C-alpha atoms as a PDB file:
ATOM      1  CA  MET A   1       8.682-146.463  69.483  1.00  0.00           C
ATOM      2  CA  PHE A   2      11.087-144.407  67.378  1.00  0.00           C
ATOM      3  CA  TRP A   3      14.100-145.105  65.193  1.00  0.00           C
ATOM      4  CA  GLY A   4      16.628-142.298  65.096  1.00  0.00           C
ATOM      5  CA  CYS A   5      19.908-141.582  63.395  1.00  0.00           C
ATOM      6  CA  ILE A   6      22.769-139.617  64.964  1.00  0.00           C
ATOM      7  CA  SER A   7      26.388-138.830  64.189  1.00  0.00           C
ATOM      8  CA  SER A   8      28.927-136.494  65.744  1.00  0.00           C
ATOM      9  CA  GLN A   9      27.419-133.854  63.457  1.00  0.00           C
ATOM     10  CA  GLY A  10      24.082-134.033  65.263  1.00  0.00           C
ATOM     11  CA  VAL A  11      20.697-135.662  64.788  1.00  0.00           C
ATOM     12  CA  GLU A  12      19.168-136.667  61.525  1.00  0.00           C
ATOM     13  CA  ARG A  13      15.952-138.494  60.799  1.00  0.00           C
ATOM     14  CA  LEU A  14      13.550-139.647  63.461  1.00  0.00           C
ATOM     15  CA  VAL A  15      10.980-142.236  62.405  1.00  0.00           C
ATOM     16  CA  GLU A  16       7.982-143.284  64.451  1.00  0.00           C
ATOM     17  CA  VAL A  17       7.442-147.034  64.403  1.00  0.00           C
ATOM     18  CA  GLU A  18       3.703-147.474  64.776  1.00  0.00           C
ATOM     19  CA  SER A  19       3.464-151.261  64.715  1.00  0.00           C
ATOM     20  CA  THR A  20       5.543-154.139  66.006  1.00  0.00           C
ATOM     21  CA  MET A  21       9.016-153.954  64.526  1.00  0.00           C
ATOM     22  CA  THR A  22      10.058-156.950  62.441  1.00  0.00           C
ATOM     23  CA  ALA A  23      13.197-157.593  60.427  1.00  0.00           C
ATOM     24  CA  ALA A  24      11.260-156.599  57.295  1.00  0.00           C
ATOM     25  CA  SER A  25       9.984-153.335  58.783  1.00  0.00           C
ATOM     26  CA  TYR A  26      13.451-152.571  60.174  1.00  0.00           C
ATOM     27  CA  ARG A  27      14.963-153.125  56.736  1.00  0.00           C
ATOM     28  CA  GLN A  28      12.341-150.790  55.259  1.00  0.00           C
ATOM     29  CA  ILE A  29      13.176-148.083  57.812  1.00  0.00           C
ATOM     30  CA  LEU A  30      16.861-148.440  56.972  1.00  0.00           C
ATOM     31  CA  SER A  31      16.264-148.369  53.222  1.00  0.00           C
ATOM     32  CA  GLN A  32      14.072-145.270  53.475  1.00  0.00           C
ATOM     33  CA  ASN A  33      16.165-143.368  55.996  1.00  0.00           C
ATOM     34  CA  LEU A  34      19.735-144.486  56.689  1.00  0.00           C
ATOM     35  CA  LEU A  35      21.457-143.625  53.410  1.00  0.00           C
ATOM     36  CA  ALA A  36      19.401-140.449  53.035  1.00  0.00           C
ATOM     37  CA  SER A  37      20.440-139.409  56.548  1.00  0.00           C
ATOM     38  CA  ALA A  38      24.087-140.127  55.751  1.00  0.00           C
ATOM     39  CA  ARG A  39      23.834-138.001  52.598  1.00  0.00           C
ATOM     40  CA  GLU A  40      22.161-135.162  54.495  1.00  0.00           C
ATOM     41  CA  MET A  41      24.988-135.289  57.056  1.00  0.00           C
ATOM     42  CA  ARG A  42      27.488-135.395  54.187  1.00  0.00           C
ATOM     43  CA  LEU A  43      28.960-138.677  55.398  1.00  0.00           C
ATOM     44  CA  ASP A  44      30.825-140.359  52.567  1.00  0.00           C
ATOM     45  CA  GLU A  45      31.776-143.234  54.831  1.00  0.00           C
ATOM     46  CA  PHE A  46      30.394-144.331  58.164  1.00  0.00           C
ATOM     47  CA  ILE A  47      30.166-147.345  60.415  1.00  0.00           C
ATOM     48  CA  PHE A  48      26.641-148.163  61.481  1.00  0.00           C
ATOM     49  CA  MET A  49      26.005-148.978  65.123  1.00  0.00           C
ATOM     50  CA  GLN A  50      23.068-151.060  66.323  1.00  0.00           C
ATOM     51  CA  ASP A  51      22.430-153.556  69.087  1.00  0.00           C
ATOM     52  CA  ASN A  52      22.058-157.315  68.706  1.00  0.00           C
ATOM     53  CA  ASP A  53      18.282-157.399  68.670  1.00  0.00           C
ATOM     54  CA  PRO A  54      17.387-160.409  66.480  1.00  0.00           C
ATOM     55  CA  LYS A  55      15.470-158.240  64.008  1.00  0.00           C
ATOM     56  CA  HIS A  56      18.583-156.070  63.592  1.00  0.00           C
ATOM     57  CA  THR A  57      20.812-159.051  62.863  1.00  0.00           C
ATOM     58  CA  ALA A  58      18.424-161.041  60.668  1.00  0.00           C
ATOM     59  CA  ARG A  59      19.721-162.250  57.302  1.00  0.00           C
ATOM     60  CA  LEU A  60      17.222-159.976  55.535  1.00  0.00           C
ATOM     61  CA  VAL A  61      18.773-156.944  57.249  1.00  0.00           C
ATOM     62  CA  ASN A  62      22.377-158.128  56.862  1.00  0.00           C
ATOM     63  CA  ASP A  63      21.762-158.690  53.153  1.00  0.00           C
ATOM     64  CA  TRP A  64      20.577-155.070  52.877  1.00  0.00           C
ATOM     65  CA  PHE A  65      23.754-153.843  54.584  1.00  0.00           C
ATOM     66  CA  ASP A  66      25.843-155.960  52.182  1.00  0.00           C
ATOM     67  CA  GLU A  67      23.898-154.754  49.125  1.00  0.00           C
ATOM     68  CA  ASN A  68      24.477-151.141  50.171  1.00  0.00           C
ATOM     69  CA  ASP A  69      28.119-151.644  51.202  1.00  0.00           C
ATOM     70  CA  ILE A  70      27.495-150.468  54.771  1.00  0.00           C
ATOM     71  CA  ASP A  71      29.939-151.450  57.488  1.00  0.00           C
ATOM     72  CA  VAL A  72      28.182-152.491  60.692  1.00  0.00           C
ATOM     73  CA  LEU A  73      30.040-152.450  63.975  1.00  0.00           C
ATOM     74  CA  GLU A  74      30.134-155.855  65.641  1.00  0.00           C
ATOM     75  CA  TRP A  75      28.279-155.474  68.899  1.00  0.00           C
ATOM     76  CA  PRO A  76      28.781-157.401  72.140  1.00  0.00           C
ATOM     77  CA  PRO A  77      25.667-158.979  73.667  1.00  0.00           C
ATOM     78  CA  GLN A  78      23.697-157.065  76.285  1.00  0.00           C
ATOM     79  CA  SER A  79      25.657-153.822  75.913  1.00  0.00           C
ATOM     80  CA  PRO A  80      23.212-150.929  75.610  1.00  0.00           C
ATOM     81  CA  ASP A  81      25.537-148.885  77.829  1.00  0.00           C
ATOM     82  CA  LEU A  82      27.983-148.659  74.921  1.00  0.00           C
ATOM     83  CA  ASN A  83      25.604-147.134  72.398  1.00  0.00           C
ATOM     84  CA  PRO A  84      25.650-143.305  72.324  1.00  0.00           C
ATOM     85  CA  ILE A  85      22.050-143.137  71.141  1.00  0.00           C
ATOM     86  CA  GLU A  86      20.949-144.624  74.460  1.00  0.00           C
ATOM     87  CA  ALA A  87      22.234-141.435  76.115  1.00  0.00           C
ATOM     88  CA  VAL A  88      20.120-139.450  73.647  1.00  0.00           C
ATOM     89  CA  TRP A  89      16.999-141.447  74.535  1.00  0.00           C
ATOM     90  CA  ALA A  90      17.765-140.972  78.257  1.00  0.00           C
ATOM     91  CA  TYR A  91      18.117-137.216  77.700  1.00  0.00           C
ATOM     92  CA  ILE A  92      14.763-137.124  75.886  1.00  0.00           C
ATOM     93  CA  LYS A  93      13.106-139.096  78.705  1.00  0.00           C
ATOM     94  CA  PHE A  94      14.591-136.662  81.228  1.00  0.00           C
ATOM     95  CA  LYS A  95      13.213-133.682  79.291  1.00  0.00           C
ATOM     96  CA  LEU A  96       9.800-135.358  79.056  1.00  0.00           C
ATOM     97  CA  SER A  97       9.786-136.024  82.805  1.00  0.00           C
ATOM     98  CA  LYS A  98       9.887-132.261  83.393  1.00  0.00           C
ATOM     99  CA  ILE A  99       6.725-131.672  81.359  1.00  0.00           C
ATOM    100  CA  GLY A 100       4.053-133.751  83.030  1.00  0.00           C
ATOM    101  CA  LYS A 101       1.182-135.675  81.506  1.00  0.00           C
ATOM    102  CA  LEU A 102       0.724-135.529  77.751  1.00  0.00           C
ATOM    103  CA  SER A 103      -1.730-137.135  75.379  1.00  0.00           C
ATOM    104  CA  LYS A 104      -0.315-139.686  72.947  1.00  0.00           C
ATOM    105  CA  ILE A 105      -0.344-137.096  70.152  1.00  0.00           C
ATOM    106  CA  GLU A 106       1.286-134.450  72.349  1.00  0.00           C
ATOM    107  CA  LEU A 107       3.915-136.982  73.445  1.00  0.00           C
ATOM    108  CA  ARG A 108       4.808-137.820  69.832  1.00  0.00           C
ATOM    109  CA  GLU A 109       5.073-134.133  68.967  1.00  0.00           C
ATOM    110  CA  LYS A 110       7.152-133.360  72.053  1.00  0.00           C
ATOM    111  CA  ILE A 111       9.569-136.225  71.333  1.00  0.00           C
ATOM    112  CA  GLN A 112      10.039-134.865  67.817  1.00  0.00           C
ATOM    113  CA  ASP A 113      10.462-131.299  69.105  1.00  0.00           C
ATOM    114  CA  ILE A 114      13.109-132.391  71.600  1.00  0.00           C
ATOM    115  CA  TRP A 115      14.859-134.608  69.019  1.00  0.00           C
ATOM    116  CA  TYR A 116      15.174-131.903  66.390  1.00  0.00           C
ATOM    117  CA  SER A 117      16.289-129.292  68.923  1.00  0.00           C
ATOM    118  CA  LEU A 118      19.058-131.409  70.460  1.00  0.00           C
ATOM    119  CA  PRO A 119      22.291-129.391  70.392  1.00  0.00           C
ATOM    120  CA  GLN A 120      24.930-130.731  68.011  1.00  0.00           C
ATOM    121  CA  THR A 121      27.517-130.308  70.776  1.00  0.00           C
ATOM    122  CA  LEU A 122      25.552-132.661  73.034  1.00  0.00           C
ATOM    123  CA  ILE A 123      25.259-135.323  70.336  1.00  0.00           C
ATOM    124  CA  ALA A 124      28.963-134.968  69.491  1.00  0.00           C
ATOM    125  CA  LYS A 125      29.791-135.423  73.185  1.00  0.00           C
ATOM    126  CA  TYR A 126      27.752-138.641  73.323  1.00  0.00           C
ATOM    127  CA  VAL A 127      29.287-140.007  70.113  1.00  0.00           C
ATOM    128  CA  LYS A 128      32.817-139.125  71.202  1.00  0.00           C
ATOM    129  CA  SER A 129      32.209-140.868  74.542  1.00  0.00           C
ATOM    130  CA  PHE A 130      32.042-144.240  72.749  1.00  0.00           C
ATOM    131  CA  HIS A 131      35.788-144.840  73.120  1.00  0.00           C
ATOM    132  CA  LYS A 132      35.590-144.113  76.872  1.00  0.00           C
ATOM    133  CA  ARG A 133      32.598-146.407  77.170  1.00  0.00           C
ATOM    134  CA  VAL A 134      34.469-149.294  75.556  1.00  0.00           C
ATOM    135  CA  LEU A 135      37.488-148.741  77.823  1.00  0.00           C
ATOM    136  CA  GLU A 136      35.182-148.679  80.849  1.00  0.00           C
ATOM    137  CA  VAL A 137      33.670-152.046  79.844  1.00  0.00           C
ATOM    138  CA  PHE A 138      37.176-153.541  79.722  1.00  0.00           C
ATOM    139  CA  LYS A 139      38.035-151.932  83.056  1.00  0.00           C
ATOM    140  CA  VAL A 140      34.995-153.458  84.809  1.00  0.00           C
ATOM    141  CA  LYS A 141      35.508-156.770  82.974  1.00  0.00           C
ATOM    142  CA  GLY A 142      32.179-156.661  81.182  1.00  0.00           C
ATOM    143  CA  ASN A 143      30.085-155.687  84.187  1.00  0.00           C
ATOM    144  CA  ASN A 144      27.763-152.681  84.310  1.00  0.00           C
ATOM    145  CA  THR A 145      29.306-149.276  83.744  1.00  0.00           C
ATOM    146  CA  LYS A 146      28.302-145.786  84.836  1.00  0.00           C
ATOM    147  CA  TYR A 147      26.903-145.240  81.359  1.00  0.00           C
END
């Protein structure tokens, strides 16, 4: 599993999660990578987007967001179709499907290669589609969308 950070400016850090993710390990990933990624993207202010996975919304994690003055977007339940990074993961899976069988090591390397070569214009398109995605959810009254 990987944790990745994107903005309309492109991709930033990609972190391989080698063991079962817990609230504590998620907080550690955030503390080691989120603010550094924001600095590297020259983001003075940003709103962080994540799903409602219990480890993402645990008090331990929310306390870290509060301590670091990070605004987190409130997220509706069961709404992965809203999150632009899901389109990035789908794109990576599509690229991997064109390659064929890989060893675990080759797969890790290929995921990283694809991640760091993603065009900024593609990421910007996915991020900018968020508004359309939200409108689509309202249009279909919370049912599944094309995203």
